[in-house]
Amino acid sequence: MSAAALGAGAYAYWRYVWFWRNPARVTPAAEGVVSAADGTVVYVKTVAPGEAVVSIKQGLSARLADIMREDADAPKLLIGVFMSPFDVHHNRAPISGEVEFVKHHPGRGANLHMGPMHWRILRRREPYYEGSGHIVQNERTVTKIRGRLRGEELSCYVVQIAAKTVAGIDSYVKPGEAVQRGAIFGMIRIGSQVDLVLPWREGMRVRVRPGDRVRAGETLLCD
């Protein structure tokens, strides 16, 4: 068999079999917010309303309104996870609760490649978000889940950001539906980023940092 045929076969297996894998996950018994995506943590930030989250390049910064597509009215915790084409792409609910809304936002121009971020991750060069204009420009779907954490109400935003090569952002839930922590609620097809935005509270413990590998439905992000 020729090298070209082997390469084509390997690509077909990855594209039509391996990419769609959906391994079982065990959600931790401990209370807390779990990762919505498999991948690498690219930023962990506590952000005040109107404050720049990250400086992407000279003259371009990202604020929560750029990521969530709505203004934040109180300090938030933001955790971003980059999903390479080789990560599991099913997304899981970070908390149990009720879906308040699912909103799709078109890109502010053509979707950009996430290559700069992927390259910096492979080379372990922080900040991983440098040069990554997709954070503010690309299309996205924002799902808001209203639940509870340690007896207090907690609203969590899950932001699915599409890459240039993405074939679609899938959402399997509707407003008013109940979701369980760790349950699959959507998928992004081929390379993407998933951000989590939730209220920042005194005493909240963040369990991850940039560069950490996380698994959807299993890795505890904060409690």
N, C-alpha and C. Protein backbone atom coordinates (compact mmCIF):
# COMPACT_ATOMS: atom_id res chain seq x y z
N MET A 1 0.85 -1.20 0.00
CA MET A 1 0.00 0.00 0.00
C MET A 1 0.88 1.25 0.00
N SER A 2 0.55 2.23 -0.81
CA SER A 2 1.37 3.43 -0.92
C SER A 2 1.22 4.32 0.30
N ALA A 3 2.21 5.21 0.48
CA ALA A 3 2.16 6.17 1.58
C ALA A 3 0.93 7.07 1.46
N ALA A 4 0.59 7.44 0.23
CA ALA A 4 -0.58 8.30 0.01
C ALA A 4 -1.86 7.60 0.46
N ALA A 5 -1.96 6.31 0.15
CA ALA A 5 -3.15 5.55 0.55
C ALA A 5 -3.23 5.41 2.06
N LEU A 6 -2.07 5.15 2.69
CA LEU A 6 -2.04 5.05 4.15
C LEU A 6 -2.45 6.37 4.79
N GLY A 7 -1.92 7.47 4.23
CA GLY A 7 -2.27 8.78 4.76
C GLY A 7 -3.75 9.08 4.62
N ALA A 8 -4.31 8.74 3.47
CA ALA A 8 -5.73 8.97 3.24
C ALA A 8 -6.58 8.12 4.18
N GLY A 9 -6.13 6.88 4.42
CA GLY A 9 -6.86 6.02 5.33
C GLY A 9 -6.82 6.52 6.76
N ALA A 10 -5.63 7.00 7.18
CA ALA A 10 -5.49 7.53 8.53
C ALA A 10 -6.36 8.77 8.72
N TYR A 11 -6.38 9.63 7.70
CA TYR A 11 -7.22 10.83 7.79
C TYR A 11 -8.69 10.46 7.88
N ALA A 12 -9.13 9.51 7.06
CA ALA A 12 -10.53 9.11 7.06
C ALA A 12 -10.92 8.52 8.41
N TYR A 13 -10.01 7.72 9.02
CA TYR A 13 -10.30 7.14 10.33
C TYR A 13 -10.43 8.24 11.38
N TRP A 14 -9.49 9.19 11.36
CA TRP A 14 -9.56 10.30 12.32
C TRP A 14 -10.83 11.12 12.11
N ARG A 15 -11.12 11.47 10.88
CA ARG A 15 -12.22 12.39 10.57
C ARG A 15 -13.59 11.79 10.82
N TYR A 16 -13.76 10.50 10.51
CA TYR A 16 -15.09 9.91 10.55
C TYR A 16 -15.31 8.90 11.67
N VAL A 17 -14.24 8.55 12.40
CA VAL A 17 -14.37 7.61 13.52
C VAL A 17 -13.81 8.22 14.80
N TRP A 18 -12.51 8.47 14.85
CA TRP A 18 -11.84 8.92 16.07
C TRP A 18 -12.40 10.25 16.56
N PHE A 19 -12.66 11.18 15.65
CA PHE A 19 -13.14 12.49 16.04
C PHE A 19 -14.47 12.41 16.79
N TRP A 20 -15.31 11.46 16.44
CA TRP A 20 -16.65 11.36 17.02
C TRP A 20 -16.69 10.52 18.29
N ARG A 21 -15.56 10.06 18.77
CA ARG A 21 -15.56 9.21 19.97
C ARG A 21 -16.19 9.95 21.14
N ASN A 22 -16.78 9.18 22.03
CA ASN A 22 -17.49 9.75 23.17
C ASN A 22 -17.24 8.88 24.40
N PRO A 23 -16.03 8.96 24.97
CA PRO A 23 -15.71 8.09 26.11
C PRO A 23 -16.55 8.43 27.34
N ALA A 24 -16.83 7.41 28.13
CA ALA A 24 -17.59 7.61 29.36
C ALA A 24 -16.78 8.48 30.32
N ARG A 25 -17.46 9.30 31.06
CA ARG A 25 -16.81 10.17 32.04
C ARG A 25 -17.46 9.98 33.41
N VAL A 26 -16.65 10.11 34.45
CA VAL A 26 -17.15 9.99 35.83
C VAL A 26 -17.07 11.37 36.48
N THR A 27 -18.22 11.96 36.73
CA THR A 27 -18.27 13.28 37.35
C THR A 27 -17.89 13.16 38.82
N PRO A 28 -17.00 14.03 39.33
CA PRO A 28 -16.56 13.92 40.72
C PRO A 28 -17.70 14.08 41.72
N ALA A 29 -17.60 13.36 42.83
CA ALA A 29 -18.62 13.47 43.87
C ALA A 29 -18.53 14.82 44.58
N ALA A 30 -17.34 15.39 44.64
CA ALA A 30 -17.15 16.67 45.32
C ALA A 30 -17.92 17.77 44.61
N GLU A 31 -18.51 18.68 45.38
CA GLU A 31 -19.24 19.79 44.79
C GLU A 31 -18.28 20.75 44.10
N GLY A 32 -18.72 21.32 42.99
CA GLY A 32 -17.88 22.27 42.28
C GLY A 32 -18.24 22.33 40.81
N VAL A 33 -17.58 23.23 40.11
CA VAL A 33 -17.82 23.45 38.69
C VAL A 33 -16.81 22.61 37.90
N VAL A 34 -17.31 21.79 36.97
CA VAL A 34 -16.42 20.94 36.18
C VAL A 34 -16.21 21.54 34.79
N SER A 35 -15.16 21.08 34.13
CA SER A 35 -14.85 21.58 32.80
C SER A 35 -15.95 21.20 31.81
N ALA A 36 -16.24 22.12 30.89
CA ALA A 36 -17.21 21.85 29.83
C ALA A 36 -16.56 21.22 28.61
N ALA A 37 -15.22 21.22 28.58
CA ALA A 37 -14.51 20.76 27.37
C ALA A 37 -13.24 20.01 27.73
N ASP A 38 -12.82 19.13 26.82
CA ASP A 38 -11.49 18.54 26.87
C ASP A 38 -10.51 19.53 26.24
N GLY A 39 -9.30 19.60 26.76
CA GLY A 39 -8.31 20.45 26.11
C GLY A 39 -7.31 21.04 27.08
N THR A 40 -6.75 22.18 26.70
CA THR A 40 -5.72 22.87 27.48
C THR A 40 -6.24 24.21 27.97
N VAL A 41 -6.05 24.48 29.25
CA VAL A 41 -6.45 25.78 29.81
C VAL A 41 -5.54 26.86 29.25
N VAL A 42 -6.14 27.91 28.67
CA VAL A 42 -5.34 28.97 28.05
C VAL A 42 -5.36 30.27 28.86
N TYR A 43 -6.38 30.47 29.67
CA TYR A 43 -6.36 31.59 30.61
C TYR A 43 -7.32 31.34 31.76
N VAL A 44 -6.94 31.91 32.92
CA VAL A 44 -7.77 31.91 34.12
C VAL A 44 -7.71 33.32 34.66
N LYS A 45 -8.84 34.02 34.66
CA LYS A 45 -8.84 35.44 35.02
C LYS A 45 -10.02 35.76 35.92
N THR A 46 -9.79 36.62 36.91
CA THR A 46 -10.89 37.27 37.62
C THR A 46 -10.98 38.68 37.06
N VAL A 47 -12.18 39.07 36.64
CA VAL A 47 -12.34 40.27 35.84
C VAL A 47 -13.45 41.15 36.39
N ALA A 48 -13.17 42.45 36.51
CA ALA A 48 -14.17 43.43 36.91
C ALA A 48 -14.95 43.89 35.68
N PRO A 49 -16.18 44.40 35.86
CA PRO A 49 -16.96 44.89 34.71
C PRO A 49 -16.18 45.93 33.91
N GLY A 50 -16.12 45.75 32.59
CA GLY A 50 -15.44 46.70 31.72
C GLY A 50 -13.94 46.53 31.63
N GLU A 51 -13.37 45.68 32.48
CA GLU A 51 -11.91 45.49 32.48
C GLU A 51 -11.49 44.60 31.31
N ALA A 52 -10.34 44.91 30.71
CA ALA A 52 -9.80 44.07 29.65
C ALA A 52 -9.39 42.72 30.24
N VAL A 53 -9.78 41.66 29.58
CA VAL A 53 -9.45 40.31 30.05
C VAL A 53 -8.04 39.93 29.63
N VAL A 54 -7.78 40.02 28.33
CA VAL A 54 -6.47 39.69 27.78
C VAL A 54 -6.10 40.70 26.71
N SER A 55 -4.81 40.95 26.57
CA SER A 55 -4.31 41.78 25.49
C SER A 55 -3.81 40.86 24.39
N ILE A 56 -4.55 40.80 23.28
CA ILE A 56 -4.26 39.85 22.22
C ILE A 56 -3.05 40.29 21.40
N LYS A 57 -3.04 41.56 21.06
CA LYS A 57 -1.91 42.18 20.37
C LYS A 57 -2.06 43.68 20.51
N GLN A 58 -1.08 44.43 20.06
CA GLN A 58 -1.13 45.88 20.21
C GLN A 58 -2.41 46.44 19.57
N GLY A 59 -3.18 47.14 20.38
CA GLY A 59 -4.41 47.75 19.89
C GLY A 59 -5.62 46.85 19.91
N LEU A 60 -5.48 45.60 20.36
CA LEU A 60 -6.62 44.68 20.42
C LEU A 60 -6.63 43.95 21.75
N SER A 61 -7.66 44.24 22.55
CA SER A 61 -7.87 43.57 23.82
C SER A 61 -9.25 42.93 23.83
N ALA A 62 -9.43 41.94 24.66
CA ALA A 62 -10.73 41.28 24.80
C ALA A 62 -11.32 41.61 26.16
N ARG A 63 -12.59 41.98 26.17
CA ARG A 63 -13.34 42.19 27.40
C ARG A 63 -14.42 41.12 27.49
N LEU A 64 -15.03 41.01 28.68
CA LEU A 64 -16.06 39.99 28.84
C LEU A 64 -17.19 40.17 27.83
N ALA A 65 -17.52 41.42 27.52
CA ALA A 65 -18.59 41.67 26.55
C ALA A 65 -18.23 41.13 25.17
N ASP A 66 -16.94 41.11 24.84
CA ASP A 66 -16.51 40.54 23.56
C ASP A 66 -16.67 39.03 23.54
N ILE A 67 -16.44 38.40 24.69
CA ILE A 67 -16.49 36.94 24.78
C ILE A 67 -17.93 36.45 24.95
N MET A 68 -18.67 37.07 25.90
CA MET A 68 -20.03 36.64 26.21
C MET A 68 -21.07 37.23 25.28
N ARG A 69 -20.70 38.33 24.59
CA ARG A 69 -21.63 39.11 23.77
C ARG A 69 -22.72 39.76 24.62
N GLU A 70 -22.42 40.03 25.89
CA GLU A 70 -23.27 40.85 26.74
C GLU A 70 -22.41 41.39 27.87
N ASP A 71 -22.85 42.52 28.44
CA ASP A 71 -22.06 43.18 29.48
C ASP A 71 -22.14 42.42 30.79
N ALA A 72 -21.04 42.43 31.53
CA ALA A 72 -21.01 41.84 32.87
C ALA A 72 -21.33 42.93 33.88
N ASP A 73 -22.12 42.59 34.89
CA ASP A 73 -22.53 43.58 35.88
C ASP A 73 -21.87 43.39 37.23
N ALA A 74 -20.95 42.44 37.32
CA ALA A 74 -20.27 42.14 38.58
C ALA A 74 -18.98 41.39 38.26
N PRO A 75 -18.05 41.30 39.21
CA PRO A 75 -16.81 40.56 38.96
C PRO A 75 -17.09 39.11 38.55
N LYS A 76 -16.31 38.63 37.57
CA LYS A 76 -16.51 37.29 37.05
C LYS A 76 -15.20 36.51 37.07
N LEU A 77 -15.34 35.19 37.08
CA LEU A 77 -14.22 34.28 36.86
C LEU A 77 -14.33 33.76 35.44
N LEU A 78 -13.25 33.88 34.68
CA LEU A 78 -13.21 33.43 33.29
C LEU A 78 -12.15 32.35 33.13
N ILE A 79 -12.53 31.21 32.59
CA ILE A 79 -11.60 30.12 32.31
C ILE A 79 -11.78 29.70 30.86
N GLY A 80 -10.70 29.75 30.07
CA GLY A 80 -10.76 29.37 28.67
C GLY A 80 -10.04 28.05 28.42
N VAL A 81 -10.64 27.19 27.61
CA VAL A 81 -10.06 25.89 27.27
C VAL A 81 -9.99 25.75 25.75
N PHE A 82 -8.79 25.52 25.23
CA PHE A 82 -8.60 25.29 23.80
C PHE A 82 -8.71 23.81 23.49
N MET A 83 -9.52 23.47 22.49
CA MET A 83 -9.71 22.09 22.06
C MET A 83 -8.99 21.89 20.74
N SER A 84 -7.95 21.08 20.74
CA SER A 84 -7.24 20.79 19.49
C SER A 84 -8.07 19.81 18.66
N PRO A 85 -7.74 19.64 17.38
CA PRO A 85 -8.49 18.68 16.56
C PRO A 85 -8.43 17.25 17.07
N PHE A 86 -7.52 16.97 18.02
CA PHE A 86 -7.36 15.61 18.51
C PHE A 86 -8.04 15.38 19.85
N ASP A 87 -8.65 16.43 20.41
CA ASP A 87 -9.38 16.29 21.67
C ASP A 87 -10.80 15.80 21.42
N VAL A 88 -11.41 15.20 22.45
CA VAL A 88 -12.83 14.87 22.40
C VAL A 88 -13.61 16.18 22.28
N HIS A 89 -14.58 16.24 21.37
CA HIS A 89 -15.27 17.50 21.10
C HIS A 89 -16.68 17.59 21.65
N HIS A 90 -17.13 16.59 22.39
CA HIS A 90 -18.42 16.70 23.07
C HIS A 90 -18.26 17.63 24.27
N ASN A 91 -19.21 18.54 24.45
CA ASN A 91 -19.18 19.49 25.57
C ASN A 91 -20.19 19.08 26.64
N ARG A 92 -19.78 19.25 27.90
CA ARG A 92 -20.60 18.79 29.02
C ARG A 92 -20.93 19.94 29.97
N ALA A 93 -22.09 19.83 30.61
CA ALA A 93 -22.57 20.89 31.50
C ALA A 93 -21.65 21.02 32.72
N PRO A 94 -21.21 22.25 33.03
CA PRO A 94 -20.31 22.44 34.18
C PRO A 94 -21.01 22.39 35.52
N ILE A 95 -22.32 22.68 35.53
CA ILE A 95 -23.12 22.62 36.76
C ILE A 95 -24.47 22.01 36.43
N SER A 96 -25.18 21.58 37.47
CA SER A 96 -26.57 21.16 37.30
C SER A 96 -27.47 22.38 37.41
N GLY A 97 -28.54 22.40 36.65
CA GLY A 97 -29.45 23.53 36.73
C GLY A 97 -30.41 23.57 35.56
N GLU A 98 -30.93 24.76 35.30
CA GLU A 98 -31.89 24.98 34.22
C GLU A 98 -31.27 25.86 33.15
N VAL A 99 -31.46 25.49 31.90
CA VAL A 99 -30.96 26.30 30.80
C VAL A 99 -31.81 27.56 30.68
N GLU A 100 -31.18 28.72 30.84
CA GLU A 100 -31.91 29.99 30.75
C GLU A 100 -32.01 30.46 29.30
N PHE A 101 -30.91 30.35 28.56
CA PHE A 101 -30.97 30.67 27.14
C PHE A 101 -29.83 30.01 26.39
N VAL A 102 -30.03 29.89 25.07
CA VAL A 102 -29.00 29.44 24.13
C VAL A 102 -29.01 30.45 22.99
N LYS A 103 -27.92 31.21 22.84
CA LYS A 103 -27.87 32.26 21.83
C LYS A 103 -26.67 32.05 20.90
N HIS A 104 -26.95 32.06 19.60
CA HIS A 104 -25.88 31.97 18.61
C HIS A 104 -25.57 33.36 18.08
N HIS A 105 -24.27 33.70 18.06
CA HIS A 105 -23.83 35.01 17.60
C HIS A 105 -22.92 34.84 16.39
N PRO A 106 -23.28 35.42 15.24
CA PRO A 106 -22.40 35.36 14.06
C PRO A 106 -21.07 36.03 14.36
N GLY A 107 -20.06 35.70 13.58
CA GLY A 107 -18.75 36.30 13.77
C GLY A 107 -18.73 37.77 13.39
N ARG A 108 -17.77 38.49 13.94
CA ARG A 108 -17.55 39.88 13.58
C ARG A 108 -16.59 39.92 12.39
N GLY A 109 -17.02 39.33 11.30
CA GLY A 109 -16.15 39.09 10.15
C GLY A 109 -15.95 37.59 9.99
N ALA A 110 -15.10 37.20 9.06
CA ALA A 110 -14.84 35.78 8.81
C ALA A 110 -14.17 35.14 10.02
N ASN A 111 -14.53 33.88 10.30
CA ASN A 111 -13.89 33.16 11.39
C ASN A 111 -12.39 33.04 11.14
N LEU A 112 -11.61 33.28 12.19
CA LEU A 112 -10.15 33.22 12.09
C LEU A 112 -9.65 31.84 12.51
N HIS A 113 -8.50 31.46 11.98
CA HIS A 113 -7.83 30.23 12.41
C HIS A 113 -7.39 30.37 13.87
N MET A 114 -7.37 29.25 14.58
CA MET A 114 -6.86 29.21 15.95
C MET A 114 -5.43 28.70 15.99
N GLY A 115 -4.78 28.69 14.82
CA GLY A 115 -3.41 28.20 14.74
C GLY A 115 -2.43 28.87 15.67
N PRO A 116 -2.48 30.23 15.82
CA PRO A 116 -1.52 30.87 16.73
C PRO A 116 -1.61 30.34 18.16
N MET A 117 -2.84 30.10 18.64
CA MET A 117 -3.00 29.57 20.00
C MET A 117 -2.49 28.14 20.08
N HIS A 118 -2.85 27.32 19.09
CA HIS A 118 -2.42 25.92 19.10
C HIS A 118 -0.90 25.83 19.07
N TRP A 119 -0.27 26.64 18.25
CA TRP A 119 1.19 26.63 18.13
C TRP A 119 1.85 27.02 19.44
N ARG A 120 1.32 28.04 20.12
CA ARG A 120 1.91 28.47 21.39
C ARG A 120 1.73 27.40 22.46
N ILE A 121 0.61 26.69 22.42
CA ILE A 121 0.39 25.60 23.38
C ILE A 121 1.40 24.48 23.14
N LEU A 122 1.59 24.10 21.89
CA LEU A 122 2.54 23.04 21.57
C LEU A 122 3.95 23.39 22.01
N ARG A 123 4.29 24.67 21.93
CA ARG A 123 5.63 25.11 22.31
C ARG A 123 5.71 25.55 23.77
N ARG A 124 4.58 25.47 24.49
CA ARG A 124 4.50 25.85 25.91
C ARG A 124 4.94 27.31 26.10
N ARG A 125 4.46 28.17 25.23
CA ARG A 125 4.83 29.58 25.29
C ARG A 125 3.64 30.41 25.76
N GLU A 126 3.72 30.87 27.00
CA GLU A 126 2.68 31.76 27.53
C GLU A 126 3.01 33.21 27.17
N PRO A 127 1.97 34.06 27.08
CA PRO A 127 0.55 33.75 27.18
C PRO A 127 0.04 33.04 25.94
N TYR A 128 -0.77 32.03 26.15
CA TYR A 128 -1.24 31.21 25.03
C TYR A 128 -2.18 31.97 24.10
N TYR A 129 -2.78 33.05 24.61
CA TYR A 129 -3.76 33.79 23.82
C TYR A 129 -3.14 34.87 22.94
N GLU A 130 -1.84 35.10 23.02
CA GLU A 130 -1.22 36.16 22.23
C GLU A 130 -1.43 35.93 20.73
N GLY A 131 -1.90 36.96 20.04
CA GLY A 131 -2.13 36.87 18.61
C GLY A 131 -3.39 36.12 18.20
N SER A 132 -4.23 35.78 19.18
CA SER A 132 -5.42 34.95 18.89
C SER A 132 -6.67 35.82 18.77
N GLY A 133 -6.82 36.44 17.61
CA GLY A 133 -7.96 37.32 17.38
C GLY A 133 -9.30 36.62 17.36
N HIS A 134 -9.28 35.27 17.26
CA HIS A 134 -10.55 34.54 17.24
C HIS A 134 -11.34 34.73 18.52
N ILE A 135 -10.65 35.08 19.61
CA ILE A 135 -11.32 35.24 20.90
C ILE A 135 -12.44 36.27 20.82
N VAL A 136 -12.22 37.33 20.04
CA VAL A 136 -13.24 38.38 19.93
C VAL A 136 -14.01 38.34 18.61
N GLN A 137 -13.42 37.75 17.56
CA GLN A 137 -14.03 37.87 16.23
C GLN A 137 -14.94 36.72 15.83
N ASN A 138 -14.60 35.50 16.21
CA ASN A 138 -15.29 34.34 15.63
C ASN A 138 -16.71 34.15 16.14
N GLU A 139 -17.49 33.41 15.35
CA GLU A 139 -18.86 33.09 15.76
C GLU A 139 -18.83 32.24 17.02
N ARG A 140 -19.95 32.29 17.76
CA ARG A 140 -20.01 31.55 19.02
C ARG A 140 -21.46 31.29 19.41
N THR A 141 -21.64 30.30 20.27
CA THR A 141 -22.92 30.03 20.90
C THR A 141 -22.74 30.15 22.40
N VAL A 142 -23.61 30.92 23.04
CA VAL A 142 -23.54 31.15 24.49
C VAL A 142 -24.73 30.46 25.15
N THR A 143 -24.45 29.56 26.07
CA THR A 143 -25.49 28.86 26.83
C THR A 143 -25.40 29.29 28.29
N LYS A 144 -26.50 29.80 28.81
CA LYS A 144 -26.53 30.22 30.22
C LYS A 144 -27.31 29.19 31.03
N ILE A 145 -26.66 28.69 32.07
CA ILE A 145 -27.28 27.69 32.96
C ILE A 145 -27.40 28.30 34.35
N ARG A 146 -28.59 28.25 34.89
CA ARG A 146 -28.83 28.77 36.24
C ARG A 146 -28.94 27.61 37.21
N GLY A 147 -28.00 27.55 38.17
CA GLY A 147 -27.99 26.47 39.14
C GLY A 147 -27.61 26.98 40.52
N ARG A 148 -26.94 26.12 41.29
CA ARG A 148 -26.54 26.49 42.65
C ARG A 148 -25.15 25.93 42.95
N LEU A 149 -24.43 26.64 43.80
CA LEU A 149 -23.13 26.18 44.28
C LEU A 149 -23.02 26.53 45.75
N ARG A 150 -22.80 25.52 46.56
CA ARG A 150 -22.70 25.69 48.01
C ARG A 150 -23.90 26.46 48.58
N GLY A 151 -25.08 26.10 48.10
CA GLY A 151 -26.32 26.66 48.65
C GLY A 151 -26.72 28.01 48.09
N GLU A 152 -25.90 28.59 47.21
CA GLU A 152 -26.22 29.89 46.64
C GLU A 152 -26.47 29.77 45.15
N GLU A 153 -27.37 30.63 44.64
CA GLU A 153 -27.66 30.62 43.21
C GLU A 153 -26.42 30.99 42.41
N LEU A 154 -26.23 30.32 41.30
CA LEU A 154 -25.06 30.56 40.46
C LEU A 154 -25.48 30.46 38.99
N SER A 155 -25.21 31.51 38.23
CA SER A 155 -25.47 31.49 36.79
C SER A 155 -24.15 31.33 36.06
N CYS A 156 -24.10 30.36 35.18
CA CYS A 156 -22.86 30.01 34.49
C CYS A 156 -23.07 30.15 32.98
N TYR A 157 -22.14 30.85 32.32
CA TYR A 157 -22.18 30.99 30.87
C TYR A 157 -21.13 30.06 30.25
N VAL A 158 -21.56 29.26 29.29
CA VAL A 158 -20.63 28.43 28.53
C VAL A 158 -20.58 28.99 27.11
N VAL A 159 -19.38 29.38 26.67
CA VAL A 159 -19.21 30.04 25.38
C VAL A 159 -18.46 29.10 24.44
N GLN A 160 -19.14 28.59 23.43
CA GLN A 160 -18.53 27.71 22.43
C GLN A 160 -18.08 28.58 21.26
N ILE A 161 -16.77 28.69 21.05
CA ILE A 161 -16.21 29.55 20.01
C ILE A 161 -15.73 28.69 18.84
N ALA A 162 -16.21 29.00 17.65
CA ALA A 162 -15.87 28.21 16.46
C ALA A 162 -14.54 28.64 15.87
N ALA A 163 -13.80 27.68 15.34
CA ALA A 163 -12.58 27.97 14.58
C ALA A 163 -12.94 28.14 13.10
N LYS A 164 -11.98 28.56 12.30
CA LYS A 164 -12.22 28.74 10.86
C LYS A 164 -12.63 27.43 10.20
N THR A 165 -12.08 26.32 10.70
CA THR A 165 -12.35 25.02 10.09
C THR A 165 -13.59 24.32 10.64
N VAL A 166 -14.28 24.96 11.60
CA VAL A 166 -15.41 24.31 12.25
C VAL A 166 -16.58 24.13 11.28
N ALA A 167 -17.18 22.93 11.32
CA ALA A 167 -18.31 22.62 10.45
C ALA A 167 -19.64 22.94 11.12
N GLY A 168 -19.62 23.34 12.38
CA GLY A 168 -20.85 23.69 13.05
C GLY A 168 -20.73 23.63 14.56
N ILE A 169 -21.54 24.44 15.24
CA ILE A 169 -21.67 24.39 16.69
C ILE A 169 -23.03 23.78 16.98
N ASP A 170 -23.04 22.64 17.65
CA ASP A 170 -24.29 21.93 17.94
C ASP A 170 -24.71 22.16 19.38
N SER A 171 -25.99 22.42 19.59
CA SER A 171 -26.55 22.53 20.93
C SER A 171 -27.70 21.54 21.04
N TYR A 172 -27.68 20.74 22.10
CA TYR A 172 -28.70 19.71 22.28
C TYR A 172 -29.73 20.08 23.34
N VAL A 173 -29.69 21.30 23.85
CA VAL A 173 -30.60 21.72 24.91
C VAL A 173 -31.38 22.95 24.48
N LYS A 174 -32.50 23.19 25.18
CA LYS A 174 -33.35 24.35 24.91
C LYS A 174 -33.64 25.08 26.21
N PRO A 175 -33.99 26.37 26.13
CA PRO A 175 -34.35 27.12 27.34
C PRO A 175 -35.46 26.41 28.11
N GLY A 176 -35.29 26.37 29.42
CA GLY A 176 -36.26 25.72 30.29
C GLY A 176 -35.95 24.28 30.61
N GLU A 177 -35.03 23.67 29.88
CA GLU A 177 -34.65 22.28 30.13
C GLU A 177 -33.72 22.18 31.34
N ALA A 178 -33.84 21.08 32.07
CA ALA A 178 -32.92 20.80 33.17
C ALA A 178 -31.72 20.03 32.63
N VAL A 179 -30.54 20.37 33.14
CA VAL A 179 -29.32 19.65 32.77
C VAL A 179 -28.60 19.20 34.03
N GLN A 180 -27.92 18.07 33.94
CA GLN A 180 -27.14 17.56 35.05
C GLN A 180 -25.67 17.82 34.81
N ARG A 181 -24.96 18.14 35.87
CA ARG A 181 -23.52 18.36 35.78
C ARG A 181 -22.85 17.14 35.13
N GLY A 182 -22.06 17.40 34.11
CA GLY A 182 -21.36 16.32 33.42
C GLY A 182 -22.10 15.74 32.24
N ALA A 183 -23.37 16.14 32.03
CA ALA A 183 -24.14 15.62 30.90
C ALA A 183 -23.77 16.37 29.62
N ILE A 184 -23.78 15.67 28.49
CA ILE A 184 -23.47 16.30 27.21
C ILE A 184 -24.58 17.26 26.82
N PHE A 185 -24.21 18.50 26.49
CA PHE A 185 -25.20 19.48 26.06
C PHE A 185 -24.93 20.00 24.65
N GLY A 186 -23.76 19.69 24.08
CA GLY A 186 -23.45 20.20 22.75
C GLY A 186 -22.13 19.67 22.25
N MET A 187 -21.73 20.19 21.09
CA MET A 187 -20.50 19.75 20.44
C MET A 187 -20.05 20.82 19.44
N ILE A 188 -18.74 20.96 19.28
CA ILE A 188 -18.19 21.80 18.22
C ILE A 188 -17.39 20.88 17.31
N ARG A 189 -17.63 20.99 16.01
CA ARG A 189 -17.03 20.02 15.09
C ARG A 189 -15.72 20.53 14.49
N ILE A 190 -14.62 20.01 15.02
CA ILE A 190 -13.23 20.16 14.58
C ILE A 190 -12.58 21.45 15.03
N GLY A 191 -11.84 21.39 16.14
CA GLY A 191 -10.99 22.49 16.60
C GLY A 191 -11.79 23.68 17.08
N SER A 192 -11.57 24.14 18.30
CA SER A 192 -12.40 25.20 18.83
C SER A 192 -11.91 25.60 20.22
N GLN A 193 -12.69 26.48 20.85
CA GLN A 193 -12.39 26.93 22.20
C GLN A 193 -13.70 27.03 22.98
N VAL A 194 -13.66 26.69 24.26
CA VAL A 194 -14.83 26.82 25.12
C VAL A 194 -14.43 27.62 26.35
N ASP A 195 -15.14 28.73 26.57
CA ASP A 195 -14.90 29.57 27.74
C ASP A 195 -16.03 29.41 28.74
N LEU A 196 -15.67 29.53 30.01
CA LEU A 196 -16.63 29.44 31.10
C LEU A 196 -16.58 30.75 31.86
N VAL A 197 -17.76 31.36 32.08
CA VAL A 197 -17.85 32.63 32.81
C VAL A 197 -18.84 32.45 33.94
N LEU A 198 -18.43 32.75 35.16
CA LEU A 198 -19.32 32.64 36.31
C LEU A 198 -18.98 33.70 37.34
N PRO A 199 -19.91 34.00 38.26
CA PRO A 199 -19.65 35.04 39.25
C PRO A 199 -18.45 34.70 40.12
N TRP A 200 -17.62 35.70 40.38
CA TRP A 200 -16.49 35.52 41.28
C TRP A 200 -16.95 35.83 42.70
N ARG A 201 -16.67 34.91 43.63
CA ARG A 201 -17.08 35.08 45.02
C ARG A 201 -15.89 34.91 45.94
N GLU A 202 -15.92 35.65 47.01
CA GLU A 202 -14.87 35.51 48.02
C GLU A 202 -14.86 34.08 48.54
N GLY A 203 -13.67 33.52 48.65
CA GLY A 203 -13.53 32.15 49.13
C GLY A 203 -13.59 31.10 48.04
N MET A 204 -13.89 31.52 46.81
CA MET A 204 -13.91 30.55 45.71
C MET A 204 -12.49 30.06 45.42
N ARG A 205 -12.34 28.77 45.25
CA ARG A 205 -11.02 28.18 44.99
C ARG A 205 -10.92 27.72 43.54
N VAL A 206 -9.93 28.24 42.84
CA VAL A 206 -9.69 27.85 41.45
C VAL A 206 -8.70 26.70 41.45
N ARG A 207 -9.03 25.64 40.75
CA ARG A 207 -8.24 24.41 40.80
C ARG A 207 -7.31 24.21 39.60
N VAL A 208 -7.36 25.11 38.62
CA VAL A 208 -6.55 24.93 37.41
C VAL A 208 -5.79 26.21 37.11
N ARG A 209 -4.80 26.07 36.22
CA ARG A 209 -4.03 27.23 35.77
C ARG A 209 -3.68 27.02 34.29
N PRO A 210 -3.24 28.09 33.60
CA PRO A 210 -2.89 27.95 32.19
C PRO A 210 -1.87 26.83 31.95
N GLY A 211 -2.12 26.05 30.92
CA GLY A 211 -1.25 24.92 30.59
C GLY A 211 -1.76 23.59 31.08
N ASP A 212 -2.70 23.60 32.04
CA ASP A 212 -3.26 22.35 32.55
C ASP A 212 -4.13 21.67 31.49
N ARG A 213 -4.08 20.34 31.47
CA ARG A 213 -4.98 19.56 30.64
C ARG A 213 -6.23 19.23 31.44
N VAL A 214 -7.40 19.39 30.83
CA VAL A 214 -8.66 19.13 31.52
C VAL A 214 -9.53 18.21 30.67
N ARG A 215 -10.49 17.56 31.36
CA ARG A 215 -11.43 16.65 30.70
C ARG A 215 -12.85 17.07 31.02
N ALA A 216 -13.69 17.13 29.98
CA ALA A 216 -15.07 17.55 30.15
C ALA A 216 -15.81 16.62 31.10
N GLY A 217 -16.53 17.22 32.05
CA GLY A 217 -17.34 16.45 32.98
C GLY A 217 -16.58 15.83 34.12
N GLU A 218 -15.24 15.87 34.10
CA GLU A 218 -14.44 15.21 35.13
C GLU A 218 -13.55 16.17 35.92
N THR A 219 -12.89 17.08 35.24
CA THR A 219 -11.92 17.95 35.91
C THR A 219 -12.63 19.07 36.66
N LEU A 220 -12.34 19.18 37.95
CA LEU A 220 -12.91 20.24 38.78
C LEU A 220 -12.15 21.54 38.51
N LEU A 221 -12.87 22.56 38.05
CA LEU A 221 -12.24 23.85 37.75
C LEU A 221 -12.21 24.77 38.96
N CYS A 222 -13.29 24.80 39.70
CA CYS A 222 -13.35 25.67 40.89
C CYS A 222 -14.45 25.17 41.81
N ASP A 223 -14.34 25.58 43.07
CA ASP A 223 -15.37 25.23 44.05
C ASP A 223 -15.43 26.30 45.13
